[in-house]
Amino acid sequence: KQAEKAVHQKKEQSKTKCRKARRRHINLVAEFNRRQRKNIWLETHIWHAKRFHMVKKWGYCLGNSPTEKSYRACYRAMTKHCLLQDLSYYCCLELTGKENELLTQLARICSIDTGLTFAEACCLSGRFEGSLNLYRADRYPEDMLGPVTFLWKPRDGSENRQLWIWVHPALKQDILRELKAIFQCSEPEEIYIPEPVTTSIQEEKQMDVVLSLGKKRKKEDKEGEKAVPVKKIIGDGTRDTFQSYSWMSQTTGIAISDKTMEILRYRLIGPLSHSVLTETLKAASLQTV
């Protein structure tokens, strides 16, 4: 009887992990994935979260203003050194197809009266990036969609070309809808199908960690009960995970792909920007098969 009494009086072991266990890499990845369900993080999120006031806009978590008085440092970097900005939250739309067909249809959503177009010689060669304003098809100067920047992939001898268009996340759905309409891309070419969830011992442990972390931070929040094993989040703040991300036209042969969060974008400002790129990027040796 005394032994049974001692067993009942024994306190249940706490499920809360110590800080060292919670800071392990495998636990951090599970916790980060759980916190990115509503607002996607950029690649530089951890760096910005320690130094900036973060805001949630357009489905992303972005740095708004620095926590320290670093405005003079940023201005000094822009005027004398180099300042880097993370613009990966801009959405990238890739167009692939014959050059003549691309230029013919793209001419309907822009005008030479506003400046450069997609057919500008310096931009068409792929040497320079261009910027222009887009309008609804054959509606210039009315029904403006918004400003975009574009870059052609240099020619490789084939008549097929690749064009990357970067748009603001607030304008992405309207511009994507207009591009699919002028190129008659209605059939999805690729649809993301999530991998089946496996129930291994390691993933079950990760589930327990996520559940315990979720309940500890917010007891009334039931999101922790719907936690998933550690997997890379596919998609972005402007696209649903299970939505198609590539469309193909059977009539024009043009393919439209949503490359958001797959092609990162950084902006370097300052007189030493070219020197930084030269020291950072190294030319790869060509290997012929």
Foldseek 3Di string as FASTA:
>chain_A
DVVVVVVVPDDDDDLDDDPVVCPDPQNVLLQVVLVLPQAHEAPCRVVLVVFADWDGPLRHIDGDGGPDPCPVVQVCCQAANKDKDWPLQWWKKKKKDFPVLVQVLQCQFFDCVFPDGCPDPCQQQQNDKDKGWTAAGNDPPPRTLGIKIKGWDHDDPDRMTMMMITHHSVRVVVVVVRVCVSQVFDAFPDWDDDDDADDDPVQVVSLSSQLVVVCVVPVVDCSSVVRGGRDDQPDHRNDDSGDGFKTADPPRRMIMGTCRSVDIDMDMHHPCPVVVCVVPDDDDDDDDD
